[in-house]
Structure formats: C-alpha cells, structure tokens
Amino acid sequence: EIEERRLNTIKNNPDMLVSIHLDSSSNQSAKGCSVYYYKNY
C-alpha cells in the first residue's frame, strides 16, 4: 500500500525518492509525461 511504501522510504533514509507510474485518462488522446512534487525542495 502507498502508506507502507512511504514508511519504508522514511526507514531507509534515501537521498531521493522517484516513484514511477503510468497515467490514464478516459480521453484516449491525452498524452505526455509529467512529474509531481510536494515539498519545494
């Protein structure tokens, strides 16, 4: 689960976390890559 992944990340004290996903949309012509972040750093 996402919370378990998040807690394991904290436990391992990494230099960075990169979570890789595939997007989906009901609009079959939607395209492109994007990257999301929460903290300014």
PDB file of all heavy atoms in Angstrom:
ATOM      1  N   GLU A   1       0.847  -1.194   0.000  1.00  0.00           N
ATOM      2  CA  GLU A   1       0.000   0.000   0.000  1.00  0.00           C
ATOM      3  C   GLU A   1       0.884   1.247   0.000  1.00  0.00           C
ATOM      4  O   GLU A   1       2.044   1.200   0.411  1.00  0.00           O
ATOM      5  CB  GLU A   1      -0.902   0.007   1.241  1.00  0.00           C
ATOM      6  CG  GLU A   1      -1.916  -1.110   1.268  1.00  0.00           C
ATOM      7  CD  GLU A   1      -2.957  -0.985   0.169  1.00  0.00           C
ATOM      8  OE1 GLU A   1      -3.345   0.159  -0.190  1.00  0.00           O
ATOM      9  OE2 GLU A   1      -3.385  -2.038  -0.337  1.00  0.00           O
ATOM     10  N   ILE A   2       0.337   2.355  -0.435  1.00  0.00           N
ATOM     11  CA  ILE A   2       1.103   3.597  -0.538  1.00  0.00           C
ATOM     12  C   ILE A   2       1.694   3.994   0.813  1.00  0.00           C
ATOM     13  O   ILE A   2       2.855   4.380   0.898  1.00  0.00           O
ATOM     14  CB  ILE A   2       0.240   4.737  -1.114  1.00  0.00           C
ATOM     15  CG1 ILE A   2      -0.033   4.451  -2.594  1.00  0.00           C
ATOM     16  CG2 ILE A   2       0.927   6.080  -0.957  1.00  0.00           C
ATOM     17  CD1 ILE A   2      -0.980   5.423  -3.239  1.00  0.00           C
ATOM     18  N   GLU A   3       0.920   3.889   1.875  1.00  0.00           N
ATOM     19  CA  GLU A   3       1.433   4.272   3.194  1.00  0.00           C
ATOM     20  C   GLU A   3       2.608   3.390   3.603  1.00  0.00           C
ATOM     21  O   GLU A   3       3.596   3.868   4.161  1.00  0.00           O
ATOM     22  CB  GLU A   3       0.323   4.225   4.246  1.00  0.00           C
ATOM     23  CG  GLU A   3       0.760   4.672   5.628  1.00  0.00           C
ATOM     24  CD  GLU A   3       1.244   6.127   5.701  1.00  0.00           C
ATOM     25  OE1 GLU A   3       1.013   6.924   4.762  1.00  0.00           O
ATOM     26  OE2 GLU A   3       1.869   6.467   6.717  1.00  0.00           O
ATOM     27  N   GLU A   4       2.533   2.097   3.286  1.00  0.00           N
ATOM     28  CA  GLU A   4       3.638   1.187   3.602  1.00  0.00           C
ATOM     29  C   GLU A   4       4.885   1.562   2.803  1.00  0.00           C
ATOM     30  O   GLU A   4       6.001   1.577   3.332  1.00  0.00           O
ATOM     31  CB  GLU A   4       3.233  -0.249   3.281  1.00  0.00           C
ATOM     32  CG  GLU A   4       4.284  -1.278   3.625  1.00  0.00           C
ATOM     33  CD  GLU A   4       3.855  -2.697   3.262  1.00  0.00           C
ATOM     34  OE1 GLU A   4       2.681  -2.922   2.909  1.00  0.00           O
ATOM     35  OE2 GLU A   4       4.729  -3.572   3.328  1.00  0.00           O
ATOM     36  N   ARG A   5       4.719   1.934   1.526  1.00  0.00           N
ATOM     37  CA  ARG A   5       5.860   2.364   0.711  1.00  0.00           C
ATOM     38  C   ARG A   5       6.463   3.644   1.273  1.00  0.00           C
ATOM     39  O   ARG A   5       7.681   3.799   1.338  1.00  0.00           O
ATOM     40  CB  ARG A   5       5.433   2.584  -0.741  1.00  0.00           C
ATOM     41  CG  ARG A   5       5.275   1.285  -1.499  1.00  0.00           C
ATOM     42  CD  ARG A   5       4.960   1.562  -2.937  1.00  0.00           C
ATOM     43  NE  ARG A   5       3.521   1.473  -3.101  1.00  0.00           N
ATOM     44  CZ  ARG A   5       2.856   1.923  -4.141  1.00  0.00           C
ATOM     45  NH1 ARG A   5       3.473   2.539  -5.125  1.00  0.00           N
ATOM     46  NH2 ARG A   5       1.551   1.786  -4.213  1.00  0.00           N
ATOM     47  N   ARG A   6       5.604   4.555   1.688  1.00  0.00           N
ATOM     48  CA  ARG A   6       6.079   5.823   2.246  1.00  0.00           C
ATOM     49  C   ARG A   6       6.871   5.590   3.530  1.00  0.00           C
ATOM     50  O   ARG A   6       7.960   6.136   3.715  1.00  0.00           O
ATOM     51  CB  ARG A   6       4.891   6.755   2.498  1.00  0.00           C
ATOM     52  CG  ARG A   6       5.277   8.189   2.797  1.00  0.00           C
ATOM     53  CD  ARG A   6       4.038   9.049   2.971  1.00  0.00           C
ATOM     54  NE  ARG A   6       3.472   8.931   4.292  1.00  0.00           N
ATOM     55  CZ  ARG A   6       3.981   9.506   5.388  1.00  0.00           C
ATOM     56  NH1 ARG A   6       5.052  10.248   5.305  1.00  0.00           N
ATOM     57  NH2 ARG A   6       3.419   9.356   6.555  1.00  0.00           N
ATOM     58  N   LEU A   7       6.360   4.740   4.414  1.00  0.00           N
ATOM     59  CA  LEU A   7       7.044   4.442   5.672  1.00  0.00           C
ATOM     60  C   LEU A   7       8.365   3.709   5.431  1.00  0.00           C
ATOM     61  O   LEU A   7       9.362   3.976   6.111  1.00  0.00           O
ATOM     62  CB  LEU A   7       6.133   3.642   6.596  1.00  0.00           C
ATOM     63  CG  LEU A   7       4.925   4.408   7.134  1.00  0.00           C
ATOM     64  CD1 LEU A   7       3.988   3.482   7.901  1.00  0.00           C
ATOM     65  CD2 LEU A   7       5.355   5.582   8.003  1.00  0.00           C
ATOM     66  N   ASN A   8       8.402   2.794   4.449  1.00  0.00           N
ATOM     67  CA  ASN A   8       9.652   2.107   4.115  1.00  0.00           C
ATOM     68  C   ASN A   8      10.678   3.088   3.569  1.00  0.00           C
ATOM     69  O   ASN A   8      11.871   2.949   3.827  1.00  0.00           O
ATOM     70  CB  ASN A   8       9.407   0.979   3.109  1.00  0.00           C
ATOM     71  CG  ASN A   8       8.849  -0.252   3.774  1.00  0.00           C
ATOM     72  OD1 ASN A   8       9.030  -0.476   4.963  1.00  0.00           O
ATOM     73  ND2 ASN A   8       8.144  -1.061   2.997  1.00  0.00           N
ATOM     74  N   THR A   9      10.218   4.061   2.834  1.00  0.00           N
ATOM     75  CA  THR A   9      11.126   5.081   2.318  1.00  0.00           C
ATOM     76  C   THR A   9      11.759   5.847   3.471  1.00  0.00           C
ATOM     77  O   THR A   9      12.978   6.029   3.519  1.00  0.00           O
ATOM     78  CB  THR A   9      10.384   6.052   1.382  1.00  0.00           C
ATOM     79  OG1 THR A   9       9.853   5.316   0.285  1.00  0.00           O
ATOM     80  CG2 THR A   9      11.310   7.139   0.875  1.00  0.00           C
ATOM     81  N   ILE A  10      10.940   6.271   4.405  1.00  0.00           N
ATOM     82  CA  ILE A  10      11.450   7.010   5.569  1.00  0.00           C
ATOM     83  C   ILE A  10      12.454   6.146   6.338  1.00  0.00           C
ATOM     84  O   ILE A  10      13.522   6.614   6.726  1.00  0.00           O
ATOM     85  CB  ILE A  10      10.282   7.472   6.472  1.00  0.00           C
ATOM     86  CG1 ILE A  10       9.442   8.519   5.730  1.00  0.00           C
ATOM     87  CG2 ILE A  10      10.793   8.013   7.796  1.00  0.00           C
ATOM     88  CD1 ILE A  10       8.102   8.821   6.386  1.00  0.00           C
ATOM     89  N   LYS A  11      12.133   4.873   6.512  1.00  0.00           N
ATOM     90  CA  LYS A  11      13.010   3.959   7.259  1.00  0.00           C
ATOM     91  C   LYS A  11      14.370   3.801   6.581  1.00  0.00           C
ATOM     92  O   LYS A  11      15.402   3.718   7.251  1.00  0.00           O
ATOM     93  CB  LYS A  11      12.321   2.595   7.394  1.00  0.00           C
ATOM     94  CG  LYS A  11      13.149   1.546   8.120  1.00  0.00           C
ATOM     95  CD  LYS A  11      12.429   0.225   8.178  1.00  0.00           C
ATOM     96  CE  LYS A  11      12.654  -0.458   6.841  1.00  0.00           C
ATOM     97  NZ  LYS A  11      12.085  -1.779   6.735  1.00  0.00           N
ATOM     98  N   ASN A  12      14.395   3.774   5.254  1.00  0.00           N
ATOM     99  CA  ASN A  12      15.650   3.571   4.516  1.00  0.00           C
ATOM    100  C   ASN A  12      16.477   4.837   4.361  1.00  0.00           C
ATOM    101  O   ASN A  12      17.610   4.775   3.893  1.00  0.00           O
ATOM    102  CB  ASN A  12      15.365   2.952   3.145  1.00  0.00           C
ATOM    103  CG  ASN A  12      15.014   1.493   3.259  1.00  0.00           C
ATOM    104  OD1 ASN A  12      15.790   0.707   3.788  1.00  0.00           O
ATOM    105  ND2 ASN A  12      13.837   1.128   2.776  1.00  0.00           N
ATOM    106  N   ASN A  13      15.924   5.997   4.713  1.00  0.00           N
ATOM    107  CA  ASN A  13      16.642   7.269   4.685  1.00  0.00           C
ATOM    108  C   ASN A  13      17.393   7.511   3.364  1.00  0.00           C
ATOM    109  O   ASN A  13      18.604   7.711   3.347  1.00  0.00           O
ATOM    110  CB  ASN A  13      17.608   7.343   5.868  1.00  0.00           C
ATOM    111  CG  ASN A  13      18.142   8.735   6.061  1.00  0.00           C
ATOM    112  OD1 ASN A  13      17.467   9.721   5.742  1.00  0.00           O
ATOM    113  ND2 ASN A  13      19.351   8.843   6.574  1.00  0.00           N
ATOM    114  N   PRO A  14      16.667   7.521   2.239  1.00  0.00           N
ATOM    115  CA  PRO A  14      17.338   7.687   0.942  1.00  0.00           C
ATOM    116  C   PRO A  14      17.723   9.136   0.657  1.00  0.00           C
ATOM    117  O   PRO A  14      17.283  10.058   1.335  1.00  0.00           O
ATOM    118  CB  PRO A  14      16.254   7.239  -0.044  1.00  0.00           C
ATOM    119  CG  PRO A  14      14.985   7.663   0.627  1.00  0.00           C
ATOM    120  CD  PRO A  14      15.220   7.412   2.099  1.00  0.00           C
ATOM    121  N   ASP A  15      18.534   9.305  -0.373  1.00  0.00           N
ATOM    122  CA  ASP A  15      18.887  10.644  -0.836  1.00  0.00           C
ATOM    123  C   ASP A  15      17.756  11.251  -1.661  1.00  0.00           C
ATOM    124  O   ASP A  15      17.660  12.467  -1.778  1.00  0.00           O
ATOM    125  CB  ASP A  15      20.163  10.604  -1.676  1.00  0.00           C
ATOM    126  CG  ASP A  15      21.368  10.235  -0.832  1.00  0.00           C
ATOM    127  OD1 ASP A  15      21.450  10.703   0.315  1.00  0.00           O
ATOM    128  OD2 ASP A  15      22.218   9.476  -1.331  1.00  0.00           O
ATOM    129  N   MET A  16      16.941  10.389  -2.271  1.00  0.00           N
ATOM    130  CA  MET A  16      15.779  10.856  -3.030  1.00  0.00           C
ATOM    131  C   MET A  16      14.828   9.695  -3.252  1.00  0.00           C
ATOM    132  O   MET A  16      15.211   8.538  -3.137  1.00  0.00           O
ATOM    133  CB  MET A  16      16.186  11.469  -4.370  1.00  0.00           C
ATOM    134  CG  MET A  16      16.736  10.493  -5.373  1.00  0.00           C
ATOM    135  SD  MET A  16      17.217  11.248  -6.943  1.00  0.00           S
ATOM    136  CE  MET A  16      18.546  12.311  -6.431  1.00  0.00           C
ATOM    137  N   LEU A  17      13.582  10.036  -3.566  1.00  0.00           N
ATOM    138  CA  LEU A  17      12.558   9.052  -3.900  1.00  0.00           C
ATOM    139  C   LEU A  17      12.017   9.403  -5.275  1.00  0.00           C
ATOM    140  O   LEU A  17      11.605  10.548  -5.519  1.00  0.00           O
ATOM    141  CB  LEU A  17      11.409   9.084  -2.886  1.00  0.00           C
ATOM    142  CG  LEU A  17      10.161   8.308  -3.305  1.00  0.00           C
ATOM    143  CD1 LEU A  17      10.412   6.809  -3.211  1.00  0.00           C
ATOM    144  CD2 LEU A  17       8.973   8.692  -2.462  1.00  0.00           C
ATOM    145  N   VAL A  18      12.028   8.418  -6.176  1.00  0.00           N
ATOM    146  CA  VAL A  18      11.446   8.586  -7.503  1.00  0.00           C
ATOM    147  C   VAL A  18      10.421   7.474  -7.671  1.00  0.00           C
ATOM    148  O   VAL A  18      10.778   6.298  -7.734  1.00  0.00           O
ATOM    149  CB  VAL A  18      12.526   8.508  -8.612  1.00  0.00           C
ATOM    150  CG1 VAL A  18      11.879   8.664  -9.984  1.00  0.00           C
ATOM    151  CG2 VAL A  18      13.589   9.572  -8.391  1.00  0.00           C
ATOM    152  N   SER A  19       9.157   7.845  -7.694  1.00  0.00           N
ATOM    153  CA  SER A  19       8.066   6.901  -7.844  1.00  0.00           C
ATOM    154  C   SER A  19       7.593   6.957  -9.294  1.00  0.00           C
ATOM    155  O   SER A  19       7.233   8.025  -9.794  1.00  0.00           O
ATOM    156  CB  SER A  19       6.935   7.289  -6.874  1.00  0.00           C
ATOM    157  OG  SER A  19       5.914   6.325  -6.887  1.00  0.00           O
ATOM    158  N   ILE A  20       7.606   5.819  -9.988  1.00  0.00           N
ATOM    159  CA  ILE A  20       7.343   5.785 -11.426  1.00  0.00           C
ATOM    160  C   ILE A  20       5.973   5.168 -11.692  1.00  0.00           C
ATOM    161  O   ILE A  20       5.663   4.083 -11.197  1.00  0.00           O
ATOM    162  CB  ILE A  20       8.447   4.996 -12.152  1.00  0.00           C
ATOM    163  CG1 ILE A  20       9.808   5.626 -11.845  1.00  0.00           C
ATOM    164  CG2 ILE A  20       8.186   4.951 -13.648  1.00  0.00           C
ATOM    165  CD1 ILE A  20      10.988   4.809 -12.298  1.00  0.00           C
ATOM    166  N   HIS A  21       5.172   5.882 -12.483  1.00  0.00           N
ATOM    167  CA  HIS A  21       3.789   5.483 -12.751  1.00  0.00           C
ATOM    168  C   HIS A  21       3.443   5.656 -14.226  1.00  0.00           C
ATOM    169  O   HIS A  21       4.136   6.357 -14.951  1.00  0.00           O
ATOM    170  CB  HIS A  21       2.827   6.362 -11.937  1.00  0.00           C
ATOM    171  CG  HIS A  21       3.023   6.237 -10.465  1.00  0.00           C
ATOM    172  ND1 HIS A  21       2.184   5.514  -9.671  1.00  0.00           N
ATOM    173  CD2 HIS A  21       3.988   6.728  -9.642  1.00  0.00           C
ATOM    174  CE1 HIS A  21       2.609   5.570  -8.414  1.00  0.00           C
ATOM    175  NE2 HIS A  21       3.713   6.299  -8.380  1.00  0.00           N
ATOM    176  N   LEU A  22       2.320   5.061 -14.626  1.00  0.00           N
ATOM    177  CA  LEU A  22       1.729   5.289 -15.933  1.00  0.00           C
ATOM    178  C   LEU A  22       0.416   6.024 -15.712  1.00  0.00           C
ATOM    179  O   LEU A  22      -0.369   5.658 -14.847  1.00  0.00           O
ATOM    180  CB  LEU A  22       1.452   3.966 -16.654  1.00  0.00           C
ATOM    181  CG  LEU A  22       2.657   3.061 -16.870  1.00  0.00           C
ATOM    182  CD1 LEU A  22       2.227   1.781 -17.575  1.00  0.00           C
ATOM    183  CD2 LEU A  22       3.742   3.756 -17.654  1.00  0.00           C
ATOM    184  N   ASP A  23       0.177   7.041 -16.494  1.00  0.00           N
ATOM    185  CA  ASP A  23      -1.045   7.831 -16.385  1.00  0.00           C
ATOM    186  C   ASP A  23      -2.146   7.176 -17.207  1.00  0.00           C
ATOM    187  O   ASP A  23      -1.888   6.319 -18.048  1.00  0.00           O
ATOM    188  CB  ASP A  23      -0.781   9.261 -16.882  1.00  0.00           C
ATOM    189  CG  ASP A  23      -1.537  10.308 -16.098  1.00  0.00           C
ATOM    190  OD1 ASP A  23      -2.561   9.969 -15.471  1.00  0.00           O
ATOM    191  OD2 ASP A  23      -1.095  11.468 -16.117  1.00  0.00           O
ATOM    192  N   SER A  24      -3.385   7.580 -16.978  1.00  0.00           N
ATOM    193  CA  SER A  24      -4.524   7.081 -17.736  1.00  0.00           C
ATOM    194  C   SER A  24      -5.600   8.148 -17.759  1.00  0.00           C
ATOM    195  O   SER A  24      -5.675   8.983 -16.861  1.00  0.00           O
ATOM    196  CB  SER A  24      -5.073   5.796 -17.103  1.00  0.00           C
ATOM    197  OG  SER A  24      -6.111   5.259 -17.900  1.00  0.00           O
ATOM    198  N   SER A  25      -6.408   8.103 -18.796  1.00  0.00           N
ATOM    199  CA  SER A  25      -7.488   9.072 -18.925  1.00  0.00           C
ATOM    200  C   SER A  25      -8.614   8.459 -19.741  1.00  0.00           C
ATOM    201  O   SER A  25      -8.376   7.595 -20.596  1.00  0.00           O
ATOM    202  CB  SER A  25      -6.966  10.333 -19.642  1.00  0.00           C
ATOM    203  OG  SER A  25      -8.016  11.228 -19.910  1.00  0.00           O
ATOM    204  N   SER A  26      -9.829   8.917 -19.495  1.00  0.00           N
ATOM    205  CA  SER A  26     -10.950   8.494 -20.339  1.00  0.00           C
ATOM    206  C   SER A  26     -10.822   9.105 -21.732  1.00  0.00           C
ATOM    207  O   SER A  26     -11.404   8.618 -22.695  1.00  0.00           O
ATOM    208  CB  SER A  26     -12.283   8.875 -19.694  1.00  0.00           C
ATOM    209  OG  SER A  26     -12.334  10.280 -19.492  1.00  0.00           O
ATOM    210  N   ASN A  27     -10.039  10.174 -21.860  1.00  0.00           N
ATOM    211  CA  ASN A  27      -9.748  10.809 -23.138  1.00  0.00           C
ATOM    212  C   ASN A  27      -8.553  10.064 -23.755  1.00  0.00           C
ATOM    213  O   ASN A  27      -7.422  10.252 -23.330  1.00  0.00           O
ATOM    214  CB  ASN A  27      -9.415  12.287 -22.935  1.00  0.00           C
ATOM    215  CG  ASN A  27      -8.985  12.982 -24.199  1.00  0.00           C
ATOM    216  OD1 ASN A  27      -8.916  12.386 -25.270  1.00  0.00           O
ATOM    217  ND2 ASN A  27      -8.673  14.263 -24.079  1.00  0.00           N
ATOM    218  N   GLN A  28      -8.810   9.228 -24.745  1.00  0.00           N
ATOM    219  CA  GLN A  28      -7.758   8.389 -25.313  1.00  0.00           C
ATOM    220  C   GLN A  28      -6.697   9.170 -26.084  1.00  0.00           C
ATOM    221  O   GLN A  28      -5.666   8.630 -26.445  1.00  0.00           O
ATOM    222  CB  GLN A  28      -8.370   7.300 -26.188  1.00  0.00           C
ATOM    223  CG  GLN A  28      -9.180   6.319 -25.382  1.00  0.00           C
ATOM    224  CD  GLN A  28      -9.775   5.217 -26.232  1.00  0.00           C
ATOM    225  OE1 GLN A  28      -9.708   5.234 -27.446  1.00  0.00           O
ATOM    226  NE2 GLN A  28     -10.371   4.242 -25.559  1.00  0.00           N
ATOM    227  N   SER A  29      -6.936  10.463 -26.314  1.00  0.00           N
ATOM    228  CA  SER A  29      -5.915  11.264 -26.990  1.00  0.00           C
ATOM    229  C   SER A  29      -5.018  12.012 -25.997  1.00  0.00           C
ATOM    230  O   SER A  29      -4.058  12.667 -26.406  1.00  0.00           O
ATOM    231  CB  SER A  29      -6.564  12.255 -27.963  1.00  0.00           C
ATOM    232  OG  SER A  29      -7.362  13.174 -27.261  1.00  0.00           O
ATOM    233  N   ALA A  30      -5.293  11.885 -24.691  1.00  0.00           N
ATOM    234  CA  ALA A  30      -4.426  12.505 -23.677  1.00  0.00           C
ATOM    235  C   ALA A  30      -3.040  11.897 -23.801  1.00  0.00           C
ATOM    236  O   ALA A  30      -2.890  10.692 -24.005  1.00  0.00           O
ATOM    237  CB  ALA A  30      -4.986  12.269 -22.278  1.00  0.00           C
ATOM    238  N   LYS A  31      -2.004  12.755 -23.719  1.00  0.00           N
ATOM    239  CA  LYS A  31      -0.642  12.261 -23.896  1.00  0.00           C
ATOM    240  C   LYS A  31       0.337  13.137 -23.142  1.00  0.00           C
ATOM    241  O   LYS A  31       0.015  14.238 -22.720  1.00  0.00           O
ATOM    242  CB  LYS A  31      -0.283  12.202 -25.372  1.00  0.00           C
ATOM    243  CG  LYS A  31      -0.402  13.533 -26.085  1.00  0.00           C
ATOM    244  CD  LYS A  31      -0.175  13.354 -27.575  1.00  0.00           C
ATOM    245  CE  LYS A  31      -0.450  14.678 -28.277  1.00  0.00           C
ATOM    246  NZ  LYS A  31      -0.223  14.555 -29.706  1.00  0.00           N
ATOM    247  N   GLY A  32       1.545  12.620 -22.990  1.00  0.00           N
ATOM    248  CA  GLY A  32       2.621  13.384 -22.375  1.00  0.00           C
ATOM    249  C   GLY A  32       3.056  12.836 -21.033  1.00  0.00           C
ATOM    250  O   GLY A  32       2.364  12.062 -20.396  1.00  0.00           O
ATOM    251  N   CYS A  33       4.244  13.267 -20.628  1.00  0.00           N
ATOM    252  CA  CYS A  33       4.785  12.886 -19.326  1.00  0.00           C
ATOM    253  C   CYS A  33       4.739  14.100 -18.401  1.00  0.00           C
ATOM    254  O   CYS A  33       4.763  15.240 -18.854  1.00  0.00           O
ATOM    255  CB  CYS A  33       6.204  12.361 -19.454  1.00  0.00           C
ATOM    256  SG  CYS A  33       7.399  13.557 -20.081  1.00  0.00           S
ATOM    257  N   SER A  34       4.648  13.826 -17.123  1.00  0.00           N
ATOM    258  CA  SER A  34       4.635  14.893 -16.126  1.00  0.00           C
ATOM    259  C   SER A  34       5.288  14.376 -14.852  1.00  0.00           C
ATOM    260  O   SER A  34       5.371  13.171 -14.636  1.00  0.00           O
ATOM    261  CB  SER A  34       3.208  15.381 -15.852  1.00  0.00           C
ATOM    262  OG  SER A  34       2.361  14.298 -15.547  1.00  0.00           O
ATOM    263  N   VAL A  35       5.750  15.312 -14.039  1.00  0.00           N
ATOM    264  CA  VAL A  35       6.413  14.955 -12.792  1.00  0.00           C
ATOM    265  C   VAL A  35       5.808  15.813 -11.681  1.00  0.00           C
ATOM    266  O   VAL A  35       5.647  17.020 -11.843  1.00  0.00           O
ATOM    267  CB  VAL A  35       7.938  15.165 -12.866  1.00  0.00           C
ATOM    268  CG1 VAL A  35       8.616  14.670 -11.595  1.00  0.00           C
ATOM    269  CG2 VAL A  35       8.519  14.464 -14.092  1.00  0.00           C
ATOM    270  N   TYR A  36       5.480  15.179 -10.568  1.00  0.00           N
ATOM    271  CA  TYR A  36       4.818  15.866  -9.464  1.00  0.00           C
ATOM    272  C   TYR A  36       5.707  15.872  -8.226  1.00  0.00           C
ATOM    273  O   TYR A  36       6.452  14.927  -7.974  1.00  0.00           O
ATOM    274  CB  TYR A  36       3.490  15.170  -9.145  1.00  0.00           C
ATOM    275  CG  TYR A  36       2.528  15.264 -10.300  1.00  0.00           C
ATOM    276  CD1 TYR A  36       2.510  14.284 -11.286  1.00  0.00           C
ATOM    277  CD2 TYR A  36       1.673  16.350 -10.419  1.00  0.00           C
ATOM    278  CE1 TYR A  36       1.644  14.387 -12.370  1.00  0.00           C
ATOM    279  CE2 TYR A  36       0.818  16.459 -11.494  1.00  0.00           C
ATOM    280  CZ  TYR A  36       0.811  15.469 -12.462  1.00  0.00           C
ATOM    281  OH  TYR A  36      -0.028  15.580 -13.534  1.00  0.00           O
ATOM    282  N   TYR A  37       5.584  16.946  -7.457  1.00  0.00           N
ATOM    283  CA  TYR A  37       6.336  17.085  -6.212  1.00  0.00           C
ATOM    284  C   TYR A  37       5.429  17.781  -5.200  1.00  0.00           C
ATOM    285  O   TYR A  37       4.441  18.424  -5.556  1.00  0.00           O
ATOM    286  CB  TYR A  37       7.625  17.884  -6.428  1.00  0.00           C
ATOM    287  CG  TYR A  37       7.388  19.319  -6.835  1.00  0.00           C
ATOM    288  CD1 TYR A  37       7.378  20.337  -5.886  1.00  0.00           C
ATOM    289  CD2 TYR A  37       7.141  19.656  -8.166  1.00  0.00           C
ATOM    290  CE1 TYR A  37       7.131  21.654  -6.252  1.00  0.00           C
ATOM    291  CE2 TYR A  37       6.901  20.959  -8.536  1.00  0.00           C
ATOM    292  CZ  TYR A  37       6.905  21.954  -7.587  1.00  0.00           C
ATOM    293  OH  TYR A  37       6.651  23.262  -7.942  1.00  0.00           O
ATOM    294  N   TYR A  38       5.781  17.684  -3.931  1.00  0.00           N
ATOM    295  CA  TYR A  38       5.006  18.337  -2.877  1.00  0.00           C
ATOM    296  C   TYR A  38       5.832  19.387  -2.144  1.00  0.00           C
ATOM    297  O   TYR A  38       5.419  20.517  -1.980  1.00  0.00           O
ATOM    298  CB  TYR A  38       4.479  17.290  -1.892  1.00  0.00           C
ATOM    299  CG  TYR A  38       3.674  17.882  -0.762  1.00  0.00           C
ATOM    300  CD1 TYR A  38       2.447  18.490  -1.000  1.00  0.00           C
ATOM    301  CD2 TYR A  38       4.147  17.833   0.540  1.00  0.00           C
ATOM    302  CE1 TYR A  38       1.715  19.042   0.033  1.00  0.00           C
ATOM    303  CE2 TYR A  38       3.413  18.378   1.579  1.00  0.00           C
ATOM    304  CZ  TYR A  38       2.203  18.982   1.324  1.00  0.00           C
ATOM    305  OH  TYR A  38       1.480  19.529   2.349  1.00  0.00           O
ATOM    306  N   LYS A  39       7.027  19.024  -1.714  1.00  0.00           N
ATOM    307  CA  LYS A  39       7.887  19.964  -0.996  1.00  0.00           C
ATOM    308  C   LYS A  39       8.659  20.813  -2.000  1.00  0.00           C
ATOM    309  O   LYS A  39       9.111  20.316  -3.034  1.00  0.00           O
ATOM    310  CB  LYS A  39       8.878  19.214  -0.095  1.00  0.00           C
ATOM    311  CG  LYS A  39       8.203  18.424   1.019  1.00  0.00           C
ATOM    312  CD  LYS A  39       7.597  19.351   2.027  1.00  0.00           C
ATOM    313  CE  LYS A  39       7.025  18.602   3.201  1.00  0.00           C
ATOM    314  NZ  LYS A  39       6.456  19.489   4.184  1.00  0.00           N
ATOM    315  N   ASN A  40       8.836  22.098  -1.687  1.00  0.00           N
ATOM    316  CA  ASN A  40       9.542  22.992  -2.610  1.00  0.00           C
ATOM    317  C   ASN A  40      10.934  22.477  -2.980  1.00  0.00           C
ATOM    318  O   ASN A  40      11.377  22.632  -4.113  1.00  0.00           O
ATOM    319  CB  ASN A  40       9.659  24.399  -2.020  1.00  0.00           C
ATOM    320  CG  ASN A  40       8.349  25.144  -2.082  1.00  0.00           C
ATOM    321  OD1 ASN A  40       7.482  24.819  -2.889  1.00  0.00           O
ATOM    322  ND2 ASN A  40       8.194  26.146  -1.237  1.00  0.00           N
ATOM    323  N   TYR A  41      11.635  21.854  -2.027  1.00  0.00           N
ATOM    324  CA  TYR A  41      12.979  21.362  -2.327  1.00  0.00           C
ATOM    325  C   TYR A  41      12.969  20.175  -3.288  1.00  0.00           C
ATOM    326  O   TYR A  41      14.014  19.774  -3.779  1.00  0.00           O
ATOM    327  CB  TYR A  41      13.769  21.032  -1.059  1.00  0.00           C
ATOM    328  CG  TYR A  41      13.097  20.067  -0.110  1.00  0.00           C
ATOM    329  CD1 TYR A  41      13.099  18.704  -0.342  1.00  0.00           C
ATOM    330  CD2 TYR A  41      12.472  20.539   1.036  1.00  0.00           C
ATOM    331  CE1 TYR A  41      12.489  17.824   0.531  1.00  0.00           C
ATOM    332  CE2 TYR A  41      11.866  19.676   1.922  1.00  0.00           C
ATOM    333  CZ  TYR A  41      11.878  18.310   1.664  1.00  0.00           C
ATOM    334  OH  TYR A  41      11.272  17.448   2.527  1.00  0.00           O
TER     335      TYR A  41
END
